[in-house]
Amino acid sequence: MKEKKRLTITIDGPSGAGKSTAAKRLARRLGYTYLDTGAMYRTVALEAREKKMVFEDEEILCQWVSSLRITFSNRKGEPLIFCNGKDVTQKIRSPEISLLASDFSKRKGVREALVKMQREMGQGGGVVLEGRDTGTVVFPGADVKFYLDAQPEERARRRFEELEGKGEKVHFDETLKEVIQRDQNDMTRTLSPLRRAEDAVLIDSTHRPAEDVIEEMARVVEERRKRDQD
C-alpha cells in the first residue's frame, strides 16, 4: 500500500478568526507538526522590547533576528514557544506585544529572517502552519491552503473573553478597536500583506463551533490525499 504523502498545510487569516485553535487541532488529528508563525513575530517583538533594541539598518536587524533561537515544544498537548531556551509562551500574548508584533512584521529584516526559519522548519511536509502569509509567501506551493475569517465583532468578542479569562482588565470597545487596527496594519503593509491566496479554501468561522471548522478542513485534506493517490 502506497504511503500517504506528508502534506504542507497553511492556514492564514486575520486576528481572532480561530486560526490557532484550528491549526493545533488539525495538526494533532493528522499527527503533524504545528507551527505558529505569528508567535515568532511576537517573540521577536518581546525580545526587542525587553532588551530595548532599536534598529535602523535592515541588514543588521535581519542578522539579529537570525541569531535568535526560536523553537517550538509541546507539553500535555499544548504548544510552547521558546526563545534562546526561555519559555515566552505567555508573555507574547499581551495586547501590547500583539500590536508591537504587527509593527515588526512590516520590517524587511524581520520578515527575511523569519520566513527563512519557517521554511527550514516546514521542509519535508507533515506540518500545519498558521499565520498571515504562510500560503502566499512562506509556502506558496503548499499542498492545501485555508483562509479562515470571521466578522470583526465576533473576533473581538473572542479576544475579549480570552483576555478576561486570564484576569486582565479589558473593555470590549477597546478590544474591537485593536482588532480593526491590527487588520488595517496587516492588510496595508508593503511586505507580505494579509490576503487570501487564490487557491486557498475560504472558511468563515463566524457563529461556527471550532469542531465544525476542523471537520471541514479535515475533509478538504482527505480529498487532497485521495487525489494524490489516484
Protein backbone atom coordinates (compact mmCIF):
# COMPACT_ATOMS: atom_id res chain seq x y z
CA MET A 1 0.00 0.00 0.00
CA LYS A 2 1.32 3.42 -1.03
CA GLU A 3 2.43 5.51 1.95
CA LYS A 4 0.44 8.71 2.44
CA LYS A 5 2.33 11.83 1.42
CA ARG A 6 3.04 14.17 4.31
CA LEU A 7 1.39 17.40 3.23
CA THR A 8 2.23 21.03 3.84
CA ILE A 9 -0.92 22.79 5.06
CA THR A 10 -1.28 26.55 5.59
CA ILE A 11 -3.95 28.47 7.49
CA ASP A 12 -3.99 32.24 7.04
CA GLY A 13 -6.43 34.89 8.19
CA PRO A 14 -6.92 37.90 10.45
CA SER A 15 -6.51 38.05 14.23
CA GLY A 16 -9.22 36.23 16.18
CA ALA A 17 -10.56 34.15 13.29
CA GLY A 18 -9.75 30.93 15.15
CA LYS A 19 -6.57 30.01 13.29
CA SER A 20 -4.65 28.84 16.36
CA THR A 21 -7.38 26.51 17.60
CA ALA A 22 -7.98 25.09 14.12
CA ALA A 23 -4.29 24.65 13.32
CA LYS A 24 -3.46 23.00 16.65
CA ARG A 25 -6.36 20.55 16.49
CA LEU A 26 -5.89 19.76 12.81
CA ALA A 27 -2.18 19.09 13.35
CA ARG A 28 -2.95 16.84 16.32
CA ARG A 29 -5.58 14.96 14.30
CA LEU A 30 -3.19 14.38 11.39
CA GLY A 31 -0.14 13.68 13.55
CA TYR A 32 1.58 16.71 12.03
CA THR A 33 3.79 19.44 13.50
CA TYR A 34 2.06 22.73 14.33
CA LEU A 35 3.95 25.93 13.52
CA ASP A 36 2.56 29.24 14.79
CA THR A 37 4.35 31.78 12.61
CA GLY A 38 2.59 34.72 14.27
CA ALA A 39 4.07 33.66 17.61
CA MET A 40 7.52 34.00 16.06
CA TYR A 41 6.88 37.68 15.22
CA ARG A 42 5.55 38.20 18.73
CA THR A 43 8.69 36.61 20.13
CA VAL A 44 10.91 38.98 18.15
CA ALA A 45 8.84 41.94 19.38
CA LEU A 46 9.09 40.78 23.00
CA GLU A 47 12.83 40.19 22.79
CA ALA A 48 13.44 43.60 21.21
CA ARG A 49 11.30 45.37 23.82
CA GLU A 50 12.88 43.61 26.80
CA LYS A 51 16.39 44.31 25.54
CA LYS A 52 15.45 47.83 24.37
CA MET A 53 16.81 47.08 20.91
CA VAL A 54 16.42 49.73 18.20
CA PHE A 55 17.38 49.02 14.60
CA GLU A 56 17.61 51.42 11.68
CA ASP A 57 19.57 49.15 9.34
CA GLU A 58 17.50 46.26 7.93
CA GLU A 59 20.53 44.06 7.30
CA ILE A 60 21.67 44.34 10.92
CA LEU A 61 18.09 43.68 12.05
CA CYS A 62 17.96 40.54 9.90
CA GLN A 63 21.25 39.33 11.39
CA TRP A 64 19.98 39.93 14.93
CA VAL A 65 16.68 38.08 14.33
CA SER A 66 18.60 35.23 12.66
CA SER A 67 20.73 34.92 15.80
CA LEU A 68 17.67 34.20 17.95
CA ARG A 69 17.00 30.52 18.61
CA ILE A 70 13.21 30.26 18.32
CA THR A 71 11.86 26.77 18.91
CA PHE A 72 8.52 25.05 19.48
CA SER A 73 7.77 22.32 22.00
CA ASN A 74 4.74 20.52 23.38
CA ARG A 75 3.53 20.00 26.94
CA LYS A 76 0.43 17.91 27.59
CA GLY A 77 -0.88 18.65 24.12
CA GLU A 78 -0.32 22.40 24.38
CA PRO A 79 2.28 24.07 22.13
CA LEU A 80 5.01 26.14 23.76
CA ILE A 81 7.43 28.61 22.19
CA PHE A 82 10.94 29.29 23.42
CA CYS A 83 13.49 31.99 22.62
CA ASN A 84 17.09 31.10 23.39
CA GLY A 85 15.83 28.40 25.74
CA LYS A 86 13.41 30.70 27.63
CA ASP A 87 9.67 29.92 27.66
CA VAL A 88 7.88 33.00 26.27
CA THR A 89 4.50 31.37 25.58
CA GLN A 90 2.51 33.55 27.98
CA LYS A 91 4.50 36.78 27.70
CA ILE A 92 3.94 37.14 23.95
CA ARG A 93 0.13 37.09 24.26
CA SER A 94 -0.42 40.58 25.72
CA PRO A 95 -2.25 43.24 23.63
CA GLU A 96 0.88 45.42 23.76
CA ILE A 97 3.09 42.73 22.23
CA SER A 98 0.36 41.93 19.69
CA LEU A 99 0.42 45.48 18.30
CA LEU A 100 4.21 45.69 18.52
CA ALA A 101 4.48 42.42 16.55
CA SER A 102 2.30 43.95 13.86
CA ASP A 103 4.80 46.81 13.55
CA PHE A 104 7.77 44.41 13.46
CA SER A 105 6.09 42.34 10.75
CA LYS A 106 6.43 45.36 8.41
CA ARG A 107 10.22 45.29 8.72
CA LYS A 108 12.08 43.70 5.82
CA GLY A 109 14.88 42.38 8.04
CA VAL A 110 12.45 40.62 10.37
CA ARG A 111 10.44 39.03 7.58
CA GLU A 112 13.51 37.78 5.70
CA ALA A 113 14.95 36.10 8.78
CA LEU A 114 11.69 34.54 10.00
CA VAL A 115 10.49 33.32 6.60
CA LYS A 116 13.83 31.53 6.20
CA MET A 117 13.37 29.92 9.65
CA GLN A 118 9.79 28.90 8.83
CA ARG A 119 10.75 27.28 5.54
CA GLU A 120 13.50 25.32 7.28
CA MET A 121 11.07 24.15 9.98
CA GLY A 122 8.44 23.12 7.42
CA GLN A 123 10.58 21.49 4.76
CA GLY A 124 9.64 17.89 4.14
CA GLY A 125 5.94 18.38 4.87
CA GLY A 126 3.92 16.96 7.73
CA VAL A 127 3.27 20.48 9.00
CA VAL A 128 0.33 22.82 9.63
CA LEU A 129 1.47 26.44 9.50
CA GLU A 130 -0.68 29.24 10.87
CA GLY A 131 -0.18 32.92 10.20
CA ARG A 132 -0.92 35.72 7.77
CA ASP A 133 1.32 34.93 4.80
CA THR A 134 2.01 31.21 5.08
CA GLY A 135 0.11 30.36 1.89
CA THR A 136 1.14 33.43 -0.09
CA VAL A 137 4.82 33.90 0.83
CA VAL A 138 6.24 31.20 3.10
CA PHE A 139 4.86 28.18 1.22
CA PRO A 140 3.13 29.44 -1.95
CA GLY A 141 3.28 25.88 -3.26
CA ALA A 142 1.61 24.34 -0.18
CA ASP A 143 -0.49 21.23 -0.79
CA VAL A 144 -3.56 22.62 1.00
CA LYS A 145 -4.30 26.25 1.83
CA PHE A 146 -7.04 27.68 4.01
CA TYR A 147 -8.09 31.27 4.65
CA LEU A 148 -10.02 31.46 7.91
CA ASP A 149 -12.08 34.60 8.51
CA ALA A 150 -14.83 35.94 10.79
CA GLN A 151 -16.66 39.21 11.34
CA PRO A 152 -14.61 41.81 13.31
CA GLU A 153 -17.17 41.93 16.16
CA GLU A 154 -17.00 38.17 16.56
CA ARG A 155 -13.21 38.17 16.54
CA ALA A 156 -13.13 40.98 19.10
CA ARG A 157 -15.56 39.08 21.33
CA ARG A 158 -13.32 36.01 21.29
CA ARG A 159 -10.25 38.07 22.10
CA PHE A 160 -12.08 39.95 24.86
CA GLU A 161 -13.22 36.70 26.51
CA GLU A 162 -9.72 35.21 26.21
CA LEU A 163 -8.10 38.18 27.96
CA GLU A 164 -10.86 38.43 30.56
CA GLY A 165 -10.42 34.74 31.30
CA LYS A 166 -6.77 35.43 32.08
CA GLY A 167 -7.82 38.04 34.64
CA GLU A 168 -6.85 41.06 32.57
CA LYS A 169 -8.91 44.24 32.80
CA VAL A 170 -10.19 44.87 29.29
CA HIS A 171 -13.01 46.76 27.60
CA PHE A 172 -14.82 45.35 24.59
CA ASP A 173 -14.77 48.63 22.65
CA GLU A 174 -11.01 48.89 23.07
CA THR A 175 -10.56 45.27 22.06
CA LEU A 176 -12.65 45.81 18.92
CA LYS A 177 -10.62 48.91 18.11
CA GLU A 178 -7.37 46.92 18.47
CA VAL A 179 -8.69 44.14 16.21
CA ILE A 180 -9.67 46.61 13.49
CA GLN A 181 -6.32 48.42 13.80
CA ARG A 182 -4.45 45.11 13.53
CA ASP A 183 -6.43 44.24 10.38
CA GLN A 184 -5.56 47.62 8.88
CA ASN A 185 -1.86 47.19 9.71
CA ASP A 186 -1.69 43.66 8.34
CA MET A 187 -3.64 44.29 5.14
CA THR A 188 -1.90 47.52 4.12
CA ARG A 189 1.73 46.76 4.92
CA THR A 190 4.09 46.81 1.94
CA LEU A 191 5.77 43.50 2.71
CA SER A 192 3.63 40.36 2.57
CA PRO A 193 0.25 41.96 3.30
CA LEU A 194 -2.51 39.77 4.68
CA ARG A 195 -4.55 38.45 1.76
CA ARG A 196 -6.23 35.28 0.65
CA ALA A 197 -4.22 33.16 -1.77
CA GLU A 198 -6.15 32.50 -4.98
CA ASP A 199 -6.12 28.74 -4.35
CA ALA A 200 -6.96 28.95 -0.63
CA VAL A 201 -10.22 27.47 0.65
CA LEU A 202 -12.20 30.24 2.34
CA ILE A 203 -13.90 29.33 5.63
CA ASP A 204 -15.97 31.82 7.65
CA SER A 205 -15.89 30.82 11.31
CA THR A 206 -18.45 33.40 12.50
CA HIS A 207 -21.01 31.60 14.71
CA ARG A 208 -19.46 28.22 13.87
CA PRO A 209 -18.05 25.91 16.55
CA ALA A 210 -14.36 25.12 16.20
CA GLU A 211 -15.04 21.41 15.74
CA ASP A 212 -17.22 22.15 12.73
CA VAL A 213 -14.44 24.20 11.12
CA ILE A 214 -11.85 21.46 11.79
CA GLU A 215 -14.12 18.80 10.30
CA GLU A 216 -14.40 20.84 7.11
CA MET A 217 -10.64 21.27 6.97
CA ALA A 218 -10.06 17.56 7.56
CA ARG A 219 -12.43 16.72 4.66
CA VAL A 220 -10.52 19.03 2.32
CA VAL A 221 -7.19 17.47 3.38
CA GLU A 222 -8.52 13.95 2.86
CA GLU A 223 -9.80 14.88 -0.61
CA ARG A 224 -6.34 16.15 -1.49
CA ARG A 225 -4.77 12.94 -0.24
CA LYS A 226 -7.12 10.88 -2.40
CA ARG A 227 -6.27 12.94 -5.48
CA ASP A 228 -2.55 12.37 -4.85
CA GLN A 229 -3.10 8.61 -4.61
CA ASP A 230 -5.16 8.33 -7.81
